[in-house]
Amino acid sequence: MKDRSKRKTYLIAFIDDATRVIPYAAFSLAENPRAFLPVFKQAIVRRGLPERLYVDNGSSYRSNHLSLVCAKLG
């Protein structure tokens, strides 16, 4: 029988504020830049580079790595 223990799951989603379109979303077992960045990449691939990025105040969104990625993207 499979282990059905409950694990905390996070939904990482990008939502276009103007149109409410969801370019990409994915569930993750962690809330960190390593989980966030592939979702960010897929959202960019599907809808293009956003003018602005609004995030909540979670630690994964306040990382130096994410700041560097955003700076390189413009």
Protein backbone atom coordinates (compact mmCIF):
# COMPACT_ATOMS: atom_id res chain seq x y z
CA MET A 1 0.00 0.00 0.00
CA LYS A 2 1.29 3.45 -0.87
CA ASP A 3 2.23 5.94 1.82
CA ARG A 4 -0.59 8.46 1.84
CA SER A 5 0.85 10.78 4.46
CA LYS A 6 -0.12 14.38 3.98
CA ARG A 7 2.54 16.73 2.71
CA LYS A 8 2.27 20.47 2.45
CA THR A 9 1.78 21.49 -1.17
CA TYR A 10 2.19 24.94 -2.68
CA LEU A 11 0.59 26.39 -5.79
CA ILE A 12 2.95 28.67 -7.69
CA ALA A 13 0.95 30.65 -10.24
CA PHE A 14 1.42 33.62 -12.51
CA ILE A 15 -1.64 35.74 -13.20
CA ASP A 16 -1.80 38.59 -15.70
CA ASP A 17 -3.22 41.44 -13.61
CA ALA A 18 -4.87 43.13 -16.62
CA THR A 19 -6.50 40.11 -18.29
CA ARG A 20 -6.59 37.56 -15.43
CA VAL A 21 -5.00 35.02 -17.78
CA ILE A 22 -2.88 32.41 -16.02
CA PRO A 23 0.17 31.88 -18.27
CA TYR A 24 1.46 29.04 -16.11
CA ALA A 25 0.91 27.44 -12.72
CA ALA A 26 2.31 24.37 -10.99
CA PHE A 27 2.15 22.60 -7.64
CA SER A 28 5.33 22.16 -5.64
CA LEU A 29 6.34 20.46 -2.42
CA ALA A 30 8.56 23.42 -1.56
CA GLU A 31 8.20 27.17 -1.61
CA ASN A 32 11.65 28.35 -2.64
CA PRO A 33 13.43 29.90 -5.64
CA ARG A 34 14.30 26.44 -6.98
CA ALA A 35 10.58 25.67 -7.30
CA PHE A 36 9.59 29.19 -8.38
CA LEU A 37 12.08 29.81 -11.20
CA PRO A 38 10.96 26.98 -13.56
CA VAL A 39 7.37 28.20 -13.23
CA PHE A 40 8.54 31.76 -13.95
CA LYS A 41 10.41 30.54 -17.01
CA GLN A 42 7.38 28.71 -18.39
CA ALA A 43 5.17 31.77 -17.83
CA ILE A 44 7.66 33.88 -19.82
CA VAL A 45 7.86 31.28 -22.60
CA ARG A 46 4.06 31.22 -22.91
CA ARG A 47 3.20 34.93 -22.54
CA GLY A 48 6.44 36.86 -22.87
CA LEU A 49 8.36 38.99 -20.41
CA PRO A 50 6.09 40.88 -17.99
CA GLU A 51 6.46 44.64 -17.55
CA ARG A 52 6.29 44.22 -13.77
CA LEU A 53 6.38 41.35 -11.33
CA TYR A 54 4.27 41.59 -8.19
CA VAL A 55 4.86 38.91 -5.56
CA ASP A 56 3.78 38.33 -2.00
CA ASN A 57 6.29 38.79 0.78
CA GLY A 58 7.32 35.12 0.94
CA SER A 59 11.00 34.39 1.47
CA SER A 60 11.28 32.61 -1.89
CA TYR A 61 10.31 35.85 -3.63
CA ARG A 62 12.75 37.99 -1.66
CA SER A 63 15.84 35.99 -2.58
CA ASN A 64 18.97 37.51 -4.05
CA HIS A 65 18.88 34.95 -6.84
CA LEU A 66 15.42 36.08 -7.99
CA SER A 67 16.56 39.71 -7.85
CA LEU A 68 19.51 38.85 -10.09
CA VAL A 69 17.31 36.94 -12.54
CA CYS A 70 14.88 39.86 -12.79
CA ALA A 71 17.74 42.34 -13.22
CA LYS A 72 19.19 40.29 -16.09
CA LEU A 73 15.78 40.08 -17.77
CA GLY A 74 15.42 43.85 -17.62
